[in-house]
Amino acid sequence: MPVLKKVVKTFIVRALARYHSPTEVVAMVKETYGLDVSTSQVVTYNPKTFMGRSLSREFVDLFEAERKNFLECEQEIGISQRAVRLRELDDELQRAKKRQEPRWIIKTLEAAAKEVGAYWNAPSQQQASGPIVVFNAPQVPDGVDAQCNQLQSPAEGSGDA
């Protein structure tokens, strides 16, 4: 295990506080600093784990502050913004059209409709405008309606109240 400089340790603590997995952090450290670290070494910088229980107070405080900031600043995450999600869906739709993938086009359009609320909210926003009309319904013989009504209404004097 390489000995890490404070800058790398801080980077690891912040990444873990932002809910990156240890495996993701290993890849991030490799990409950013060119260092090979193990997942077990990374886990020691998470005070919420058993292996991180002996983390210095400085890094524990940094972890807690970074986690609190991360959870409070939802607006800084692009995907949490509706406009960003719609733009990504639009980009995906354009790629699907170029590749001529009708199934993917339909799925992307459906996802966009869900995002704007048209897909899920439209049925609940509709209001009944009158009685339901059924076309091509079978004809009911005379007298059957009266028999059905008698069966559906409780018998008088049955004691049900």
Protein backbone atom coordinates (compact mmCIF):
# COMPACT_ATOMS: atom_id res chain seq x y z
CA MET A 1 0.00 0.00 0.00
CA PRO A 2 1.42 3.37 -0.94
CA VAL A 3 1.66 6.08 1.68
CA LEU A 4 -0.83 8.75 0.70
CA LYS A 5 -0.32 12.48 0.87
CA LYS A 6 -2.87 14.59 2.70
CA VAL A 7 -4.30 15.85 -0.60
CA VAL A 8 -5.10 12.29 -1.71
CA LYS A 9 -6.54 11.39 1.70
CA THR A 10 -8.80 14.45 1.56
CA PHE A 11 -9.89 13.50 -1.95
CA ILE A 12 -10.79 9.99 -0.79
CA VAL A 13 -12.71 11.21 2.28
CA ARG A 14 -14.72 13.68 0.20
CA ALA A 15 -15.53 11.09 -2.46
CA LEU A 16 -16.72 8.60 0.17
CA ALA A 17 -18.78 11.32 1.86
CA ARG A 18 -20.51 11.89 -1.48
CA TYR A 19 -21.61 8.23 -1.54
CA HIS A 20 -19.12 7.00 -4.13
CA SER A 21 -18.35 3.33 -3.63
CA PRO A 22 -14.82 2.33 -2.63
CA THR A 23 -14.34 0.74 -6.05
CA GLU A 24 -15.33 4.00 -7.74
CA VAL A 25 -12.94 5.92 -5.49
CA VAL A 26 -10.07 3.57 -6.39
CA ALA A 27 -10.68 4.34 -10.08
CA MET A 28 -10.97 8.07 -9.35
CA VAL A 29 -7.67 8.12 -7.44
CA LYS A 30 -5.97 6.21 -10.28
CA GLU A 31 -7.34 8.66 -12.85
CA THR A 32 -6.69 11.84 -10.87
CA TYR A 33 -3.40 11.10 -9.11
CA GLY A 34 -2.05 8.07 -10.98
CA LEU A 35 -1.82 6.07 -7.75
CA ASP A 36 -2.83 2.45 -7.30
CA VAL A 37 -4.72 2.08 -4.04
CA SER A 38 -6.72 -0.91 -2.84
CA THR A 39 -10.39 -0.85 -1.90
CA SER A 40 -9.49 -1.92 1.62
CA GLN A 41 -7.17 1.08 1.91
CA VAL A 42 -9.95 3.39 0.66
CA VAL A 43 -12.48 1.94 3.13
CA THR A 44 -10.25 3.00 6.04
CA TYR A 45 -11.14 6.61 5.19
CA ASN A 46 -14.87 6.10 5.75
CA PRO A 47 -15.67 6.66 9.45
CA LYS A 48 -19.04 4.93 8.99
CA THR A 49 -17.33 1.56 8.46
CA PHE A 50 -15.64 -0.73 10.94
CA MET A 51 -12.29 -0.31 9.18
CA GLY A 52 -12.62 3.48 9.38
CA ARG A 53 -13.34 3.62 13.09
CA SER A 54 -9.80 4.85 13.89
CA LEU A 55 -9.81 7.67 11.33
CA SER A 56 -8.33 10.91 12.68
CA ARG A 57 -10.71 13.53 14.03
CA GLU A 58 -9.72 15.93 11.24
CA PHE A 59 -10.91 13.53 8.54
CA VAL A 60 -14.02 12.52 10.48
CA ASP A 61 -15.03 16.19 10.71
CA LEU A 62 -14.27 16.66 7.02
CA PHE A 63 -16.36 13.60 6.17
CA GLU A 64 -19.34 14.82 8.22
CA ALA A 65 -19.16 18.36 6.81
CA GLU A 66 -18.84 17.11 3.23
CA ARG A 67 -21.73 14.67 3.63
CA LYS A 68 -23.96 17.36 5.15
CA ASN A 69 -23.08 19.79 2.36
CA PHE A 70 -23.66 17.12 -0.27
CA LEU A 71 -27.12 16.26 1.05
CA GLU A 72 -28.14 19.92 1.36
CA CYS A 73 -26.93 20.98 -2.08
CA GLU A 74 -29.11 18.81 -4.26
CA GLN A 75 -29.41 21.59 -6.84
CA GLU A 76 -25.71 21.27 -7.73
CA ILE A 77 -26.26 17.77 -9.11
CA GLY A 78 -27.23 18.12 -12.74
CA ILE A 79 -29.54 15.13 -12.96
CA SER A 80 -31.67 16.49 -10.12
CA GLN A 81 -32.77 19.31 -12.43
CA ARG A 82 -35.72 18.54 -14.68
CA ALA A 83 -34.33 20.56 -17.59
CA VAL A 84 -31.07 18.59 -17.51
CA ARG A 85 -32.94 15.27 -17.51
CA LEU A 86 -35.08 16.40 -20.44
CA ARG A 87 -32.01 17.55 -22.37
CA GLU A 88 -30.36 14.16 -21.80
CA LEU A 89 -33.51 12.41 -22.97
CA ASP A 90 -33.61 14.62 -26.05
CA ASP A 91 -29.98 13.78 -26.82
CA GLU A 92 -30.76 10.09 -26.39
CA LEU A 93 -33.76 10.41 -28.69
CA GLN A 94 -31.61 12.00 -31.39
CA ARG A 95 -29.05 9.18 -31.11
CA ALA A 96 -31.82 6.57 -31.34
CA LYS A 97 -33.21 8.25 -34.43
CA LYS A 98 -29.78 8.27 -36.10
CA ARG A 99 -29.37 4.56 -35.39
CA GLN A 100 -32.96 3.93 -36.51
CA GLU A 101 -33.90 2.00 -33.37
CA PRO A 102 -37.70 2.27 -33.09
CA ARG A 103 -37.91 0.46 -29.74
CA TRP A 104 -35.38 2.80 -28.17
CA ILE A 105 -37.16 5.80 -29.68
CA ILE A 106 -40.43 4.69 -28.09
CA LYS A 107 -38.78 4.06 -24.71
CA THR A 108 -37.12 7.47 -24.77
CA LEU A 109 -40.36 9.21 -25.69
CA GLU A 110 -42.14 7.35 -22.90
CA ALA A 111 -39.45 8.39 -20.40
CA ALA A 112 -39.76 12.02 -21.51
CA ALA A 113 -43.54 11.86 -21.16
CA LYS A 114 -43.15 10.49 -17.63
CA GLU A 115 -40.68 13.25 -16.83
CA VAL A 116 -43.07 16.03 -17.82
CA GLY A 117 -45.98 14.29 -16.14
CA ALA A 118 -48.03 13.69 -19.26
CA TYR A 119 -47.72 9.94 -19.05
CA TRP A 120 -48.65 9.31 -15.44
CA ASN A 121 -50.66 12.38 -14.49
CA ALA A 122 -52.95 12.65 -17.51
CA PRO A 123 -55.43 9.92 -16.48
CA SER A 124 -55.78 11.38 -12.98
CA GLN A 125 -56.38 14.87 -14.38
CA GLN A 126 -59.25 13.81 -16.59
CA GLN A 127 -62.69 14.50 -15.19
CA ALA A 128 -65.81 12.54 -15.92
CA SER A 129 -67.95 14.48 -18.37
CA GLY A 130 -71.05 12.34 -18.19
CA PRO A 131 -72.29 8.78 -18.28
CA ILE A 132 -70.15 6.08 -19.81
CA VAL A 133 -71.47 5.04 -23.20
CA VAL A 134 -70.79 1.48 -24.29
CA PHE A 135 -71.08 0.72 -27.98
CA ASN A 136 -71.86 -2.75 -29.32
CA ALA A 137 -73.13 -3.92 -25.94
CA PRO A 138 -75.30 -7.05 -25.95
CA GLN A 139 -79.01 -6.44 -25.55
CA VAL A 140 -80.46 -7.35 -22.15
CA PRO A 141 -83.84 -9.13 -22.28
CA ASP A 142 -86.82 -7.36 -20.68
CA GLY A 143 -87.29 -8.12 -16.99
CA VAL A 144 -83.63 -8.99 -16.32
CA ASP A 145 -82.88 -5.48 -15.02
CA ALA A 146 -85.64 -5.79 -12.42
CA GLN A 147 -84.32 -9.18 -11.28
CA CYS A 148 -80.77 -7.79 -10.97
CA ASN A 149 -82.02 -4.85 -8.93
CA GLN A 150 -83.84 -7.21 -6.54
CA LEU A 151 -80.69 -9.27 -6.05
CA GLN A 152 -78.53 -6.22 -5.44
CA SER A 153 -80.81 -4.49 -2.93
CA PRO A 154 -80.84 -5.92 0.63
CA ALA A 155 -84.03 -7.64 1.62
CA GLU A 156 -86.19 -5.48 3.83
CA GLY A 157 -86.59 -6.68 7.37
CA SER A 158 -83.47 -8.84 7.27
CA GLY A 159 -82.07 -7.12 10.34
CA ASP A 160 -79.04 -5.68 8.53
CA ALA A 161 -78.53 -2.10 9.63
